[in-house]
Amino acid sequence: MLNPRHIRRPVMPSSPVLSVDELPYICTASDAARLLRHTASYIVRLCGNGTIPAYKEGNTWLIRRDDLLTYLEQNLNLAAQKRLNQKEDR
C-alpha cells in the first residue's frame, strides 16, 4: 500500500503571469502554465492532443504566444456561453 507522503502532487506555478506582454513570443509549457494558472503537465497534455497548437523540439513543447491568446479567448467565450445558457434555463 502506498504511503500518502510518497504520492507526488502537481506543483502549481509559483508566480502567475499577469500580463501577456511578460511572455516571450515563443513560450514553453511552463510559461503558458504561469499565464493560464494550470500545471505544466496539463499544458503539455493540451499541446499533445492538439487543443493548443504547439510544436515539439526535443522534449520541450513550444507554443506561439498568439496561439496561446487564441486558446484563451476561445475558452473565455465558451465559459461566457455556458453562463448565458444556465441563466436562460432558469
N, C-alpha and C. Protein backbone atom coordinates (compact mmCIF):
# COMPACT_ATOMS: atom_id res chain seq x y z
N MET A 1 0.84 -1.18 0.00
CA MET A 1 0.00 0.00 0.00
C MET A 1 0.88 1.24 0.00
N LEU A 2 0.48 2.25 -0.75
CA LEU A 2 1.27 3.47 -0.84
C LEU A 2 1.03 4.37 0.36
N ASN A 3 2.09 4.90 0.83
CA ASN A 3 2.02 5.89 1.90
C ASN A 3 1.68 7.24 1.26
N PRO A 4 0.71 7.99 1.77
CA PRO A 4 0.33 9.28 1.16
C PRO A 4 1.49 10.26 1.04
N ARG A 5 2.52 10.11 1.85
CA ARG A 5 3.66 11.03 1.74
C ARG A 5 4.42 10.82 0.45
N HIS A 6 4.28 9.63 -0.17
CA HIS A 6 5.04 9.31 -1.37
C HIS A 6 4.29 9.64 -2.65
N ILE A 7 3.08 10.11 -2.55
CA ILE A 7 2.30 10.46 -3.73
C ILE A 7 2.72 11.86 -4.17
N ARG A 8 3.14 11.96 -5.43
CA ARG A 8 3.56 13.27 -5.95
C ARG A 8 2.34 14.03 -6.44
N ARG A 9 2.23 15.23 -6.03
CA ARG A 9 1.14 16.10 -6.46
C ARG A 9 1.69 17.15 -7.41
N PRO A 10 0.90 17.56 -8.39
CA PRO A 10 1.40 18.58 -9.31
C PRO A 10 1.67 19.89 -8.56
N VAL A 11 2.73 20.52 -8.97
CA VAL A 11 3.11 21.78 -8.35
C VAL A 11 2.56 22.91 -9.21
N MET A 12 1.78 23.77 -8.60
CA MET A 12 1.24 24.91 -9.33
C MET A 12 2.35 25.94 -9.52
N PRO A 13 2.30 26.69 -10.61
CA PRO A 13 3.31 27.71 -10.83
C PRO A 13 3.35 28.70 -9.68
N SER A 14 4.54 29.10 -9.29
CA SER A 14 4.68 29.94 -8.11
C SER A 14 4.26 31.39 -8.36
N SER A 15 4.62 31.93 -9.50
CA SER A 15 4.27 33.33 -9.75
C SER A 15 3.52 33.43 -11.08
N PRO A 16 2.22 33.68 -11.03
CA PRO A 16 1.46 33.76 -12.28
C PRO A 16 1.87 34.97 -13.10
N VAL A 17 1.73 34.83 -14.41
CA VAL A 17 1.98 35.93 -15.33
C VAL A 17 0.73 36.79 -15.33
N LEU A 18 0.88 38.07 -15.08
CA LEU A 18 -0.28 38.94 -15.01
C LEU A 18 -0.58 39.63 -16.32
N SER A 19 0.39 39.67 -17.21
CA SER A 19 0.21 40.33 -18.49
C SER A 19 0.81 39.47 -19.59
N VAL A 20 0.17 39.45 -20.74
CA VAL A 20 0.67 38.68 -21.87
C VAL A 20 1.99 39.27 -22.35
N ASP A 21 2.19 40.55 -22.12
CA ASP A 21 3.43 41.19 -22.55
C ASP A 21 4.65 40.63 -21.82
N GLU A 22 4.44 39.96 -20.70
CA GLU A 22 5.53 39.36 -19.94
C GLU A 22 6.03 38.08 -20.60
N LEU A 23 5.24 37.51 -21.51
CA LEU A 23 5.62 36.25 -22.16
C LEU A 23 6.49 36.50 -23.37
N PRO A 24 7.44 35.60 -23.63
CA PRO A 24 8.20 35.69 -24.89
C PRO A 24 7.30 35.30 -26.06
N TYR A 25 7.73 35.59 -27.28
CA TYR A 25 6.93 35.27 -28.46
C TYR A 25 6.72 33.77 -28.58
N ILE A 26 7.76 32.99 -28.28
CA ILE A 26 7.65 31.53 -28.24
C ILE A 26 7.74 31.12 -26.78
N CYS A 27 6.69 30.47 -26.28
CA CYS A 27 6.60 30.11 -24.87
C CYS A 27 6.83 28.62 -24.68
N THR A 28 7.31 28.25 -23.53
CA THR A 28 7.37 26.85 -23.14
C THR A 28 6.06 26.50 -22.43
N ALA A 29 5.86 25.23 -22.14
CA ALA A 29 4.67 24.81 -21.41
C ALA A 29 4.65 25.44 -20.02
N SER A 30 5.82 25.63 -19.42
CA SER A 30 5.88 26.26 -18.10
C SER A 30 5.44 27.72 -18.16
N ASP A 31 5.87 28.43 -19.21
CA ASP A 31 5.44 29.83 -19.38
C ASP A 31 3.92 29.90 -19.54
N ALA A 32 3.39 29.02 -20.38
CA ALA A 32 1.95 29.00 -20.62
C ALA A 32 1.19 28.65 -19.35
N ALA A 33 1.75 27.75 -18.56
CA ALA A 33 1.10 27.35 -17.30
C ALA A 33 1.02 28.53 -16.34
N ARG A 34 2.04 29.35 -16.33
CA ARG A 34 2.02 30.53 -15.45
C ARG A 34 0.93 31.50 -15.87
N LEU A 35 0.70 31.65 -17.18
CA LEU A 35 -0.34 32.56 -17.66
C LEU A 35 -1.73 31.98 -17.39
N LEU A 36 -1.91 30.71 -17.71
CA LEU A 36 -3.23 30.09 -17.62
C LEU A 36 -3.56 29.57 -16.22
N ARG A 37 -2.55 29.62 -15.34
CA ARG A 37 -2.70 29.17 -13.96
C ARG A 37 -3.11 27.69 -13.88
N HIS A 38 -2.41 26.89 -14.66
CA HIS A 38 -2.53 25.44 -14.65
C HIS A 38 -1.15 24.87 -14.43
N THR A 39 -1.07 23.56 -14.32
CA THR A 39 0.24 22.93 -14.20
C THR A 39 0.84 22.77 -15.60
N ALA A 40 2.16 22.67 -15.65
CA ALA A 40 2.84 22.48 -16.93
C ALA A 40 2.44 21.13 -17.55
N SER A 41 2.22 20.12 -16.73
CA SER A 41 1.83 18.81 -17.28
C SER A 41 0.46 18.87 -17.96
N TYR A 42 -0.45 19.68 -17.44
CA TYR A 42 -1.76 19.86 -18.07
C TYR A 42 -1.60 20.57 -19.42
N ILE A 43 -0.74 21.58 -19.47
CA ILE A 43 -0.50 22.30 -20.73
C ILE A 43 0.13 21.36 -21.75
N VAL A 44 1.06 20.52 -21.31
CA VAL A 44 1.68 19.53 -22.21
C VAL A 44 0.62 18.60 -22.77
N ARG A 45 -0.33 18.18 -21.94
CA ARG A 45 -1.41 17.31 -22.41
C ARG A 45 -2.26 18.03 -23.46
N LEU A 46 -2.56 19.31 -23.23
CA LEU A 46 -3.34 20.08 -24.21
C LEU A 46 -2.59 20.24 -25.52
N CYS A 47 -1.28 20.41 -25.43
CA CYS A 47 -0.46 20.51 -26.65
C CYS A 47 -0.42 19.17 -27.38
N GLY A 48 -0.29 18.10 -26.63
CA GLY A 48 -0.20 16.77 -27.23
C GLY A 48 -1.47 16.35 -27.95
N ASN A 49 -2.63 16.74 -27.43
CA ASN A 49 -3.87 16.34 -28.10
C ASN A 49 -4.36 17.39 -29.10
N GLY A 50 -3.59 18.46 -29.29
CA GLY A 50 -3.91 19.45 -30.32
C GLY A 50 -4.85 20.55 -29.89
N THR A 51 -5.23 20.59 -28.62
CA THR A 51 -6.12 21.64 -28.15
C THR A 51 -5.43 23.00 -28.23
N ILE A 52 -4.17 23.03 -27.86
CA ILE A 52 -3.34 24.23 -28.03
C ILE A 52 -2.35 23.93 -29.14
N PRO A 53 -2.36 24.71 -30.23
CA PRO A 53 -1.40 24.46 -31.31
C PRO A 53 0.02 24.69 -30.79
N ALA A 54 0.87 23.70 -30.97
CA ALA A 54 2.25 23.79 -30.49
C ALA A 54 3.11 22.83 -31.30
N TYR A 55 4.40 22.98 -31.17
CA TYR A 55 5.31 22.03 -31.79
C TYR A 55 6.35 21.62 -30.77
N LYS A 56 6.91 20.45 -31.01
CA LYS A 56 7.82 19.87 -30.05
C LYS A 56 9.24 19.93 -30.60
N GLU A 57 10.13 20.43 -29.79
CA GLU A 57 11.54 20.46 -30.13
C GLU A 57 12.28 19.68 -29.05
N GLY A 58 12.71 18.48 -29.38
CA GLY A 58 13.29 17.61 -28.36
C GLY A 58 12.19 17.16 -27.41
N ASN A 59 12.38 17.41 -26.13
CA ASN A 59 11.36 17.07 -25.13
C ASN A 59 10.53 18.28 -24.72
N THR A 60 10.72 19.40 -25.38
CA THR A 60 10.08 20.65 -24.97
C THR A 60 8.98 21.04 -25.95
N TRP A 61 7.80 21.30 -25.41
CA TRP A 61 6.71 21.84 -26.23
C TRP A 61 6.87 23.34 -26.31
N LEU A 62 6.78 23.88 -27.53
CA LEU A 62 6.89 25.32 -27.75
C LEU A 62 5.58 25.82 -28.33
N ILE A 63 5.11 26.93 -27.78
CA ILE A 63 3.80 27.47 -28.14
C ILE A 63 3.97 28.94 -28.52
N ARG A 64 3.40 29.30 -29.67
CA ARG A 64 3.43 30.72 -30.04
C ARG A 64 2.49 31.49 -29.13
N ARG A 65 2.91 32.67 -28.73
CA ARG A 65 2.10 33.50 -27.84
C ARG A 65 0.73 33.79 -28.45
N ASP A 66 0.68 34.02 -29.76
CA ASP A 66 -0.60 34.31 -30.43
C ASP A 66 -1.55 33.11 -30.35
N ASP A 67 -1.01 31.89 -30.49
CA ASP A 67 -1.84 30.70 -30.38
C ASP A 67 -2.37 30.53 -28.96
N LEU A 68 -1.55 30.90 -28.00
CA LEU A 68 -1.97 30.83 -26.60
C LEU A 68 -3.10 31.82 -26.33
N LEU A 69 -2.99 33.01 -26.90
CA LEU A 69 -4.05 34.02 -26.74
C LEU A 69 -5.34 33.57 -27.41
N THR A 70 -5.23 32.94 -28.57
CA THR A 70 -6.41 32.44 -29.26
C THR A 70 -7.10 31.38 -28.41
N TYR A 71 -6.32 30.46 -27.84
CA TYR A 71 -6.88 29.43 -26.97
C TYR A 71 -7.58 30.07 -25.77
N LEU A 72 -6.95 31.07 -25.19
CA LEU A 72 -7.51 31.74 -24.02
C LEU A 72 -8.83 32.43 -24.37
N GLU A 73 -8.87 33.13 -25.50
CA GLU A 73 -10.10 33.81 -25.93
C GLU A 73 -11.22 32.82 -26.20
N GLN A 74 -10.90 31.69 -26.84
CA GLN A 74 -11.92 30.67 -27.13
C GLN A 74 -12.50 30.11 -25.83
N ASN A 75 -11.64 29.87 -24.85
CA ASN A 75 -12.14 29.32 -23.59
C ASN A 75 -12.95 30.35 -22.82
N LEU A 76 -12.59 31.61 -22.90
CA LEU A 76 -13.39 32.65 -22.25
C LEU A 76 -14.76 32.75 -22.90
N ASN A 77 -14.80 32.63 -24.23
CA ASN A 77 -16.08 32.68 -24.93
C ASN A 77 -16.95 31.48 -24.57
N LEU A 78 -16.34 30.30 -24.44
CA LEU A 78 -17.11 29.11 -24.06
C LEU A 78 -17.67 29.26 -22.65
N ALA A 79 -16.87 29.79 -21.74
CA ALA A 79 -17.34 29.98 -20.37
C ALA A 79 -18.50 30.97 -20.33
N ALA A 80 -18.40 32.04 -21.12
CA ALA A 80 -19.48 33.03 -21.16
C ALA A 80 -20.75 32.41 -21.73
N GLN A 81 -20.61 31.58 -22.78
CA GLN A 81 -21.78 30.92 -23.37
C GLN A 81 -22.44 29.99 -22.36
N LYS A 82 -21.65 29.26 -21.59
CA LYS A 82 -22.22 28.35 -20.59
C LYS A 82 -23.01 29.13 -19.54
N ARG A 83 -22.47 30.27 -19.12
CA ARG A 83 -23.18 31.09 -18.13
C ARG A 83 -24.49 31.61 -18.69
N LEU A 84 -24.49 32.04 -19.95
CA LEU A 84 -25.72 32.52 -20.58
C LEU A 84 -26.75 31.41 -20.68
N ASN A 85 -26.31 30.21 -21.07
CA ASN A 85 -27.24 29.09 -21.18
C ASN A 85 -27.83 28.71 -19.84
N GLN A 86 -27.04 28.81 -18.78
CA GLN A 86 -27.55 28.49 -17.44
C GLN A 86 -28.59 29.51 -17.01
N LYS A 87 -28.38 30.78 -17.36
CA LYS A 87 -29.34 31.83 -16.99
C LYS A 87 -30.65 31.63 -17.75
N GLU A 88 -30.55 31.22 -19.03
CA GLU A 88 -31.75 31.02 -19.84
C GLU A 88 -32.56 29.83 -19.35
N ASP A 89 -31.90 28.83 -18.81
CA ASP A 89 -32.59 27.63 -18.32
C ASP A 89 -33.38 27.90 -17.06
N ARG A 90 -33.06 28.92 -16.34
CA ARG A 90 -33.74 29.21 -15.07
C ARG A 90 -35.11 29.73 -15.27
